PDB file of N, CA and C in Angstrom:
ATOM      1  N   MET A   1      87.886 120.186 108.086  1.00  0.00           N
ATOM      2  CA  MET A   1      88.364 119.906 109.532  1.00  0.00           C
ATOM      3  C   MET A   1      89.547 119.066 108.781  1.00  0.00           C
ATOM      4  N   LYS A   2      90.493 119.287 109.325  1.00  0.00           N
ATOM      5  CA  LYS A   2      92.083 118.675 109.143  1.00  0.00           C
ATOM      6  C   LYS A   2      92.271 117.394 110.077  1.00  0.00           C
ATOM      7  N   GLN A   3      92.001 116.156 109.664  1.00  0.00           N
ATOM      8  CA  GLN A   3      92.369 115.247 110.421  1.00  0.00           C
ATOM      9  C   GLN A   3      93.471 113.889 109.640  1.00  0.00           C
ATOM     10  N   PRO A   4      94.571 114.002 110.329  1.00  0.00           N
ATOM     11  CA  PRO A   4      95.544 113.056 109.506  1.00  0.00           C
ATOM     12  C   PRO A   4      94.793 112.061 108.850  1.00  0.00           C
ATOM     13  N   SER A   5      95.191 111.411 107.942  1.00  0.00           N
ATOM     14  CA  SER A   5      94.572 109.655 108.114  1.00  0.00           C
ATOM     15  C   SER A   5      95.570 108.806 107.051  1.00  0.00           C
ATOM     16  N   VAL A   6      95.445 107.203 107.513  1.00  0.00           N
ATOM     17  CA  VAL A   6      95.950 106.499 106.279  1.00  0.00           C
ATOM     18  C   VAL A   6      95.255 106.152 105.533  1.00  0.00           C
ATOM     19  N   TYR A   7      95.286 105.316 104.231  1.00  0.00           N
ATOM     20  CA  TYR A   7      94.326 104.701 104.014  1.00  0.00           C
ATOM     21  C   TYR A   7      94.371 103.857 102.637  1.00  0.00           C
ATOM     22  N   ILE A   8      94.049 102.771 102.257  1.00  0.00           N
ATOM     23  CA  ILE A   8      94.103 101.738 101.293  1.00  0.00           C
ATOM     24  C   ILE A   8      92.760 101.626 100.240  1.00  0.00           C
ATOM     25  N   MET A   9      92.898 102.139  98.828  1.00  0.00           N
ATOM     26  CA  MET A   9      92.406 102.515  97.966  1.00  0.00           C
ATOM     27  C   MET A   9      92.315 100.891  97.063  1.00  0.00           C
ATOM     28  N   ALA A  10      91.721 100.229  96.624  1.00  0.00           N
ATOM     29  CA  ALA A  10      91.819  99.019  95.650  1.00  0.00           C
ATOM     30  C   ALA A  10      90.769  99.442  94.553  1.00  0.00           C
ATOM     31  N   SER A  11      91.296  98.476  93.881  1.00  0.00           N
ATOM     32  CA  SER A  11      90.563  98.627  91.931  1.00  0.00           C
ATOM     33  C   SER A  11      89.227  97.490  92.365  1.00  0.00           C
ATOM     34  N   CYS A  12      89.752  96.367  93.074  1.00  0.00           N
ATOM     35  CA  CYS A  12      88.115  95.345  93.743  1.00  0.00           C
ATOM     36  C   CYS A  12      88.461  94.716  94.656  1.00  0.00           C
ATOM     37  N   ARG A  13      87.977  93.743  95.043  1.00  0.00           N
ATOM     38  CA  ARG A  13      88.323  92.706  95.925  1.00  0.00           C
ATOM     39  C   ARG A  13      89.716  92.140  95.473  1.00  0.00           C
ATOM     40  N   ASN A  14      90.710  92.095  96.528  1.00  0.00           N
ATOM     41  CA  ASN A  14      91.786  91.433  95.844  1.00  0.00           C
ATOM     42  C   ASN A  14      92.785  91.793  94.783  1.00  0.00           C
ATOM     43  N   GLY A  15      92.218  93.450  94.199  1.00  0.00           N
ATOM     44  CA  GLY A  15      93.022  93.925  93.049  1.00  0.00           C
ATOM     45  C   GLY A  15      94.100  94.621  93.533  1.00  0.00           C
ATOM     46  N   THR A  16      94.416  95.473  92.624  1.00  0.00           N
ATOM     47  CA  THR A  16      95.184  96.808  92.776  1.00  0.00           C
ATOM     48  C   THR A  16      94.815  97.371  93.934  1.00  0.00           C
ATOM     49  N   LEU A  17      96.548  97.607  95.065  1.00  0.00           N
ATOM     50  CA  LEU A  17      95.800  97.969  96.431  1.00  0.00           C
ATOM     51  C   LEU A  17      97.108  99.353  96.268  1.00  0.00           C
ATOM     52  N   TYR A  18      96.219 100.660  96.608  1.00  0.00           N
ATOM     53  CA  TYR A  18      97.213 101.983  97.117  1.00  0.00           C
ATOM     54  C   TYR A  18      97.210 102.147  98.258  1.00  0.00           C
ATOM     55  N   ALA A  19      97.849 103.065  98.682  1.00  0.00           N
ATOM     56  CA  ALA A  19      98.224 103.122 100.297  1.00  0.00           C
ATOM     57  C   ALA A  19      99.003 104.920 100.227  1.00  0.00           C
ATOM     58  N   GLY A  20      97.951 105.600 101.128  1.00  0.00           N
ATOM     59  CA  GLY A  20      98.170 106.986 101.116  1.00  0.00           C
ATOM     60  C   GLY A  20      97.995 107.817 102.326  1.00  0.00           C
ATOM     61  N   VAL A  21      98.358 108.575 102.240  1.00  0.00           N
ATOM     62  CA  VAL A  21      97.807 109.609 103.683  1.00  0.00           C
ATOM     63  C   VAL A  21      97.736 110.826 102.938  1.00  0.00           C
ATOM     64  N   THR A  22      96.686 110.960 104.079  1.00  0.00           N
ATOM     65  CA  THR A  22      96.051 113.185 104.176  1.00  0.00           C
ATOM     66  C   THR A  22      95.584 113.495 105.094  1.00  0.00           C
ATOM     67  N   SER A  23      95.262 114.999 104.855  1.00  0.00           N
ATOM     68  CA  SER A  23      94.631 115.805 105.970  1.00  0.00           C
ATOM     69  C   SER A  23      93.342 115.681 106.111  1.00  0.00           C
ATOM     70  N   ASN A  24      92.588 114.820 104.635  1.00  0.00           N
ATOM     71  CA  ASN A  24      91.714 115.543 104.660  1.00  0.00           C
ATOM     72  C   ASN A  24      90.781 114.106 103.571  1.00  0.00           C
ATOM     73  N   LEU A  25      90.697 113.082 104.663  1.00  0.00           N
ATOM     74  CA  LEU A  25      90.231 111.671 104.147  1.00  0.00           C
ATOM     75  C   LEU A  25      88.854 111.697 103.135  1.00  0.00           C
ATOM     76  N   ALA A  26      87.669 112.208 103.180  1.00  0.00           N
ATOM     77  CA  ALA A  26      86.958 112.749 102.464  1.00  0.00           C
ATOM     78  C   ALA A  26      87.019 113.294 101.292  1.00  0.00           C
ATOM     79  N   GLN A  27      87.949 114.218 101.490  1.00  0.00           N
ATOM     80  CA  GLN A  27      88.180 114.802  99.636  1.00  0.00           C
ATOM     81  C   GLN A  27      89.092 113.972  99.038  1.00  0.00           C
ATOM     82  N   ARG A  28      89.941 113.097  99.580  1.00  0.00           N
ATOM     83  CA  ARG A  28      91.191 112.715  99.179  1.00  0.00           C
ATOM     84  C   ARG A  28      90.672 111.602  98.347  1.00  0.00           C
ATOM     85  N   VAL A  29      89.284 110.715  99.246  1.00  0.00           N
ATOM     86  CA  VAL A  29      88.894 109.373  98.452  1.00  0.00           C
ATOM     87  C   VAL A  29      87.760 110.125  97.180  1.00  0.00           C
ATOM     88  N   TRP A  30      87.421 111.092  97.562  1.00  0.00           N
ATOM     89  CA  TRP A  30      86.493 111.630  96.094  1.00  0.00           C
ATOM     90  C   TRP A  30      87.352 111.859  95.160  1.00  0.00           C
ATOM     91  N   GLN A  31      88.567 112.255  95.371  1.00  0.00           N
ATOM     92  CA  GLN A  31      89.185 112.571  94.018  1.00  0.00           C
ATOM     93  C   GLN A  31      90.024 111.537  93.686  1.00  0.00           C
ATOM     94  N   HIS A  32      90.101 110.613  94.194  1.00  0.00           N
ATOM     95  CA  HIS A  32      90.666 109.113  93.329  1.00  0.00           C
ATOM     96  C   HIS A  32      89.267 108.512  93.149  1.00  0.00           C
ATOM     97  N   ARG A  33      87.946 108.624  93.813  1.00  0.00           N
ATOM     98  CA  ARG A  33      87.100 107.977  92.730  1.00  0.00           C
ATOM     99  C   ARG A  33      86.729 108.791  91.539  1.00  0.00           C
ATOM    100  N   GLU A  34      86.351 109.885  91.339  1.00  0.00           N
ATOM    101  CA  GLU A  34      86.167 110.765  90.562  1.00  0.00           C
ATOM    102  C   GLU A  34      87.483 110.849  89.311  1.00  0.00           C
ATOM    103  N   GLY A  35      88.526 110.505  89.801  1.00  0.00           N
ATOM    104  CA  GLY A  35      89.972 110.257  89.093  1.00  0.00           C
ATOM    105  C   GLY A  35      90.135 111.729  88.531  1.00  0.00           C
ATOM    106  N   VAL A  36      90.076 112.645  89.196  1.00  0.00           N
ATOM    107  CA  VAL A  36      90.495 113.800  89.120  1.00  0.00           C
ATOM    108  C   VAL A  36      91.835 114.091  89.224  1.00  0.00           C
ATOM    109  N   VAL A  37      92.679 113.346  89.500  1.00  0.00           N
ATOM    110  CA  VAL A  37      93.927 113.579  89.731  1.00  0.00           C
ATOM    111  C   VAL A  37      94.907 112.879  89.035  1.00  0.00           C
ATOM    112  N   ALA A  38      95.724 112.841  87.783  1.00  0.00           N
ATOM    113  CA  ALA A  38      96.273 111.584  87.372  1.00  0.00           C
ATOM    114  C   ALA A  38      97.242 111.086  88.388  1.00  0.00           C
ATOM    115  N   GLY A  39      97.650 109.541  87.774  1.00  0.00           N
ATOM    116  CA  GLY A  39      98.578 109.216  88.615  1.00  0.00           C
ATOM    117  C   GLY A  39      98.634 107.595  88.782  1.00  0.00           C
ATOM    118  N   PHE A  40      98.795 107.040  90.009  1.00  0.00           N
ATOM    119  CA  PHE A  40      98.661 105.543  90.138  1.00  0.00           C
ATOM    120  C   PHE A  40      97.219 105.418  90.162  1.00  0.00           C
ATOM    121  N   THR A  41      96.144 105.868  90.755  1.00  0.00           N
ATOM    122  CA  THR A  41      94.851 105.524  91.466  1.00  0.00           C
ATOM    123  C   THR A  41      94.399 105.462  90.210  1.00  0.00           C
ATOM    124  N   LYS A  42      93.888 106.235  89.611  1.00  0.00           N
ATOM    125  CA  LYS A  42      93.149 106.980  88.213  1.00  0.00           C
ATOM    126  C   LYS A  42      93.801 105.563  86.925  1.00  0.00           C
ATOM    127  N   GLN A  43      95.333 105.615  86.952  1.00  0.00           N
ATOM    128  CA  GLN A  43      95.840 104.595  85.731  1.00  0.00           C
ATOM    129  C   GLN A  43      95.204 103.169  86.271  1.00  0.00           C
ATOM    130  N   TYR A  44      95.401 102.482  87.515  1.00  0.00           N
ATOM    131  CA  TYR A  44      94.879 101.553  88.030  1.00  0.00           C
ATOM    132  C   TYR A  44      93.672 101.114  88.342  1.00  0.00           C
ATOM    133  N   GLY A  45      92.620 102.114  88.294  1.00  0.00           N
ATOM    134  CA  GLY A  45      90.915 101.760  88.859  1.00  0.00           C
ATOM    135  C   GLY A  45      90.825 101.703  89.828  1.00  0.00           C
ATOM    136  N   CYS A  46      91.808 102.599  91.451  1.00  0.00           N
ATOM    137  CA  CYS A  46      91.325 102.331  92.343  1.00  0.00           C
ATOM    138  C   CYS A  46      91.013 103.129  93.054  1.00  0.00           C
ATOM    139  N   LYS A  47      89.420 102.838  92.961  1.00  0.00           N
ATOM    140  CA  LYS A  47      88.255 103.536  93.619  1.00  0.00           C
ATOM    141  C   LYS A  47      87.716 103.242  94.875  1.00  0.00           C
ATOM    142  N   LEU A  48      87.709 102.383  95.377  1.00  0.00           N
ATOM    143  CA  LEU A  48      87.424 101.780  96.429  1.00  0.00           C
ATOM    144  C   LEU A  48      88.441 101.944  97.816  1.00  0.00           C
ATOM    145  N   LEU A  49      87.347 102.639  98.764  1.00  0.00           N
ATOM    146  CA  LEU A  49      88.108 102.888  99.596  1.00  0.00           C
ATOM    147  C   LEU A  49      87.794 101.529 100.658  1.00  0.00           C
ATOM    148  N   VAL A  50      88.871 100.815 101.254  1.00  0.00           N
ATOM    149  CA  VAL A  50      88.655  99.334 101.578  1.00  0.00           C
ATOM    150  C   VAL A  50      89.138  99.365 103.444  1.00  0.00           C
ATOM    151  N   TRP A  51      90.123 100.390 103.444  1.00  0.00           N
ATOM    152  CA  TRP A  51      90.874 100.438 104.586  1.00  0.00           C
ATOM    153  C   TRP A  51      91.355 102.050 105.195  1.00  0.00           C
ATOM    154  N   PHE A  52      91.311 102.393 106.155  1.00  0.00           N
ATOM    155  CA  PHE A  52      91.854 103.810 106.873  1.00  0.00           C
ATOM    156  C   PHE A  52      91.926 103.455 108.206  1.00  0.00           C
ATOM    157  N   GLU A  53      92.625 104.403 108.374  1.00  0.00           N
ATOM    158  CA  GLU A  53      93.241 104.999 110.009  1.00  0.00           C
ATOM    159  C   GLU A  53      93.640 106.069 110.498  1.00  0.00           C
ATOM    160  N   ILE A  54      92.733 106.989 111.570  1.00  0.00           N
ATOM    161  CA  ILE A  54      92.975 107.811 111.699  1.00  0.00           C
ATOM    162  C   ILE A  54      93.914 107.970 112.824  1.00  0.00           C
ATOM    163  N   ALA A  55      95.304 109.187 112.098  1.00  0.00           N
ATOM    164  CA  ALA A  55      95.970 109.058 113.154  1.00  0.00           C
ATOM    165  C   ALA A  55      96.027 110.882 113.972  1.00  0.00           C
ATOM    166  N   ASP A  56      96.848 110.683 115.590  1.00  0.00           N
ATOM    167  CA  ASP A  56      97.337 112.204 116.102  1.00  0.00           C
ATOM    168  C   ASP A  56      97.310 113.180 115.280  1.00  0.00           C
ATOM    169  N   THR A  57      98.765 113.091 114.739  1.00  0.00           N
ATOM    170  CA  THR A  57      99.746 113.848 113.859  1.00  0.00           C
ATOM    171  C   THR A  57      99.806 113.138 112.542  1.00  0.00           C
ATOM    172  N   MET A  58     100.079 114.651 111.857  1.00  0.00           N
ATOM    173  CA  MET A  58     100.514 114.030 109.799  1.00  0.00           C
ATOM    174  C   MET A  58     101.460 113.465 110.234  1.00  0.00           C
ATOM    175  N   ASP A  59     102.374 113.712 111.368  1.00  0.00           N
ATOM    176  CA  ASP A  59     103.746 112.884 111.539  1.00  0.00           C
ATOM    177  C   ASP A  59     103.480 111.194 111.716  1.00  0.00           C
ATOM    178  N   VAL A  60     102.666 111.016 112.195  1.00  0.00           N
ATOM    179  CA  VAL A  60     102.478 109.557 113.114  1.00  0.00           C
ATOM    180  C   VAL A  60     101.793 109.455 111.574  1.00  0.00           C
ATOM    181  N   ALA A  61     100.559 109.496 110.849  1.00  0.00           N
ATOM    182  CA  ALA A  61     100.570 109.178 109.664  1.00  0.00           C
ATOM    183  C   ALA A  61     101.520 108.895 108.632  1.00  0.00           C
ATOM    184  N   ILE A  62     102.114 109.827 108.610  1.00  0.00           N
ATOM    185  CA  ILE A  62     103.399 109.469 107.672  1.00  0.00           C
ATOM    186  C   ILE A  62     103.958 108.460 107.622  1.00  0.00           C
ATOM    187  N   THR A  63     104.610 108.216 109.072  1.00  0.00           N
ATOM    188  CA  THR A  63     105.215 106.944 109.112  1.00  0.00           C
ATOM    189  C   THR A  63     104.419 105.875 109.315  1.00  0.00           C
ATOM    190  N   ARG A  64     103.402 105.770 109.472  1.00  0.00           N
ATOM    191  CA  ARG A  64     101.997 104.345 109.275  1.00  0.00           C
ATOM    192  C   ARG A  64     102.312 104.668 108.260  1.00  0.00           C
ATOM    193  N   GLU A  65     102.212 105.601 107.172  1.00  0.00           N
ATOM    194  CA  GLU A  65     101.777 105.359 105.543  1.00  0.00           C
ATOM    195  C   GLU A  65     102.780 104.239 104.789  1.00  0.00           C
ATOM    196  N   LYS A  66     104.516 104.806 105.401  1.00  0.00           N
ATOM    197  CA  LYS A  66     105.984 104.230 105.288  1.00  0.00           C
ATOM    198  C   LYS A  66     105.602 102.811 105.506  1.00  0.00           C
ATOM    199  N   GLN A  67     104.962 102.431 106.742  1.00  0.00           N
ATOM    200  CA  GLN A  67     105.153 101.028 107.185  1.00  0.00           C
ATOM    201  C   GLN A  67     104.661 100.165 106.412  1.00  0.00           C
ATOM    202  N   ILE A  68     103.456 100.812 106.070  1.00  0.00           N
ATOM    203  CA  ILE A  68     101.998  99.966 105.294  1.00  0.00           C
ATOM    204  C   ILE A  68     102.831  99.647 103.957  1.00  0.00           C
ATOM    205  N   LYS A  69     103.563 100.581 103.197  1.00  0.00           N
ATOM    206  CA  LYS A  69     103.784 100.457 102.288  1.00  0.00           C
ATOM    207  C   LYS A  69     105.273  99.607 101.599  1.00  0.00           C
ATOM    208  N   SER A  70     105.646  99.657 102.793  1.00  0.00           N
ATOM    209  CA  SER A  70     107.204  98.960 103.037  1.00  0.00           C
ATOM    210  C   SER A  70     106.524  97.448 103.187  1.00  0.00           C
ATOM    211  N   GLY A  71     105.989  96.979 103.792  1.00  0.00           N
ATOM    212  CA  GLY A  71     105.226  95.602 103.881  1.00  0.00           C
ATOM    213  C   GLY A  71     104.467  95.087 102.751  1.00  0.00           C
ATOM    214  N   SER A  72     104.395  93.923 102.809  1.00  0.00           N
ATOM    215  CA  SER A  72     104.285  92.831 101.779  1.00  0.00           C
ATOM    216  C   SER A  72     102.358  92.901 101.455  1.00  0.00           C
ATOM    217  N   ARG A  73     102.465  91.947 100.019  1.00  0.00           N
ATOM    218  CA  ARG A  73     100.574  92.599  99.846  1.00  0.00           C
ATOM    219  C   ARG A  73      99.687  91.759 100.707  1.00  0.00           C
ATOM    220  N   ALA A  74     100.353  90.730 101.368  1.00  0.00           N
ATOM    221  CA  ALA A  74      99.604  89.566 102.318  1.00  0.00           C
ATOM    222  C   ALA A  74      99.029  90.750 103.382  1.00  0.00           C
ATOM    223  N   ARG A  75     100.313  91.224 104.134  1.00  0.00           N
ATOM    224  CA  ARG A  75     100.094  92.288 105.070  1.00  0.00           C
ATOM    225  C   ARG A  75      98.827  92.879 104.909  1.00  0.00           C
ATOM    226  N   LYS A  76      98.881  93.678 103.694  1.00  0.00           N
ATOM    227  CA  LYS A  76      98.267  94.793 103.114  1.00  0.00           C
ATOM    228  C   LYS A  76      96.740  94.203 103.213  1.00  0.00           C
ATOM    229  N   ILE A  77      96.623  92.927 102.933  1.00  0.00           N
ATOM    230  CA  ILE A  77      95.529  92.378 102.241  1.00  0.00           C
ATOM    231  C   ILE A  77      94.804  92.000 104.176  1.00  0.00           C
ATOM    232  N   ALA A  78      95.710  91.307 104.884  1.00  0.00           N
ATOM    233  CA  ALA A  78      95.497  91.302 106.657  1.00  0.00           C
ATOM    234  C   ALA A  78      94.455  92.188 106.905  1.00  0.00           C
ATOM    235  N   LEU A  79      95.811  93.348 106.916  1.00  0.00           N
ATOM    236  CA  LEU A  79      94.982  94.560 107.304  1.00  0.00           C
ATOM    237  C   LEU A  79      93.547  95.349 107.238  1.00  0.00           C
ATOM    238  N   ILE A  80      93.457  94.629 105.656  1.00  0.00           N
ATOM    239  CA  ILE A  80      92.165  95.236 105.098  1.00  0.00           C
ATOM    240  C   ILE A  80      90.395  94.402 105.290  1.00  0.00           C
ATOM    241  N   GLU A  81      91.326  92.810 105.291  1.00  0.00           N
ATOM    242  CA  GLU A  81      90.109  91.858 106.075  1.00  0.00           C
ATOM    243  C   GLU A  81      89.840  91.741 107.422  1.00  0.00           C
ATOM    244  N   ALA A  82      90.721  92.779 108.227  1.00  0.00           N
ATOM    245  CA  ALA A  82      90.524  92.708 109.906  1.00  0.00           C
ATOM    246  C   ALA A  82      89.393  93.711 110.086  1.00  0.00           C
ATOM    247  N   MET A  83      89.869  94.797 108.794  1.00  0.00           N
ATOM    248  CA  MET A  83      88.511  95.880 109.487  1.00  0.00           C
ATOM    249  C   MET A  83      87.600  95.937 108.317  1.00  0.00           C
ATOM    250  N   ASN A  84      87.677  94.876 107.390  1.00  0.00           N
ATOM    251  CA  ASN A  84      86.327  94.856 106.521  1.00  0.00           C
ATOM    252  C   ASN A  84      86.505  93.788 105.473  1.00  0.00           C
ATOM    253  N   PRO A  85      86.361  92.752 106.095  1.00  0.00           N
ATOM    254  CA  PRO A  85      86.247  91.239 105.557  1.00  0.00           C
ATOM    255  C   PRO A  85      85.584  91.286 103.989  1.00  0.00           C
ATOM    256  N   HIS A  86      84.842  92.035 104.023  1.00  0.00           N
ATOM    257  CA  HIS A  86      84.159  91.939 102.836  1.00  0.00           C
ATOM    258  C   HIS A  86      84.527  93.476 101.682  1.00  0.00           C
ATOM    259  N   TRP A  87      85.383  93.485 101.712  1.00  0.00           N
ATOM    260  CA  TRP A  87      85.831  94.527 101.333  1.00  0.00           C
ATOM    261  C   TRP A  87      84.890  95.802 100.780  1.00  0.00           C
ATOM    262  N   HIS A  88      83.861  95.812 101.432  1.00  0.00           N
ATOM    263  CA  HIS A  88      82.841  96.751 101.208  1.00  0.00           C
ATOM    264  C   HIS A  88      83.548  97.948 100.901  1.00  0.00           C
ATOM    265  N   ASP A  89      83.329  99.360 100.098  1.00  0.00           N
ATOM    266  CA  ASP A  89      83.625 100.659  99.578  1.00  0.00           C
ATOM    267  C   ASP A  89      83.162 101.439 101.037  1.00  0.00           C
ATOM    268  N   LEU A  90      84.233 101.713 101.332  1.00  0.00           N
ATOM    269  CA  LEU A  90      83.844 103.021 103.377  1.00  0.00           C
ATOM    270  C   LEU A  90      83.901 104.355 102.967  1.00  0.00           C
ATOM    271  N   TYR A  91      83.620 105.112 101.405  1.00  0.00           N
ATOM    272  CA  TYR A  91      83.859 106.352 101.766  1.00  0.00           C
ATOM    273  C   TYR A  91      82.277 106.517 102.225  1.00  0.00           C
ATOM    274  N   GLU A  92      80.966 106.172 102.036  1.00  0.00           N
ATOM    275  CA  GLU A  92      80.020 106.707 102.755  1.00  0.00           C
ATOM    276  C   GLU A  92      80.201 106.570 103.684  1.00  0.00           C
ATOM    277  N   GLN A  93      80.516 105.890 104.351  1.00  0.00           N
ATOM    278  CA  GLN A  93      80.842 106.067 106.316  1.00  0.00           C
ATOM    279  C   GLN A  93      81.964 107.108 106.590  1.00  0.00           C
ATOM    280  N   ILE A  94      82.667 107.550 105.411  1.00  0.00           N
ATOM    281  CA  ILE A  94      83.450 108.735 106.057  1.00  0.00           C
ATOM    282  C   ILE A  94      83.267 109.910 105.403  1.00  0.00           C
ATOM    283  N   ALA A  95      82.808 109.837 104.309  1.00  0.00           N
ATOM    284  CA  ALA A  95      81.685 110.980 103.493  1.00  0.00           C
ATOM    285  C   ALA A  95      80.503 111.653 103.981  1.00  0.00           C
ATOM    286  N   HIS A  96      79.707 111.047 105.068  1.00  0.00           N
ATOM    287  CA  HIS A  96      78.658 111.425 105.835  1.00  0.00           C
ATOM    288  C   HIS A  96      78.579 111.144 107.197  1.00  0.00           C
ATOM    289  N   GLY A  97      79.569 110.342 107.484  1.00  0.00           N
ATOM    290  CA  GLY A  97      80.324 110.654 109.231  1.00  0.00           C
ATOM    291  C   GLY A  97      79.325 109.279 109.588  1.00  0.00           C
TER     292      GLY A  97
END
């Protein structure tokens, strides 16, 4: 099922951050965790899903991703800590409902 989402992956608490957008959050996070796609998250070990937001449309998700990516690191951390103050990996929550 396609569900537009914006998400932030982290290497560890207060570590390297990566913001992305996808239509299948569980599948995309699994790809990051397993390192099956070469790129930033694989290079920097960003395997923890620490924040996500579901959007109504892909256009809304892409706009939100651009907003997050253009924001400061402090704003990204504030976003994460508002939803997930202990920086738990949220993958199990989305993978199994």
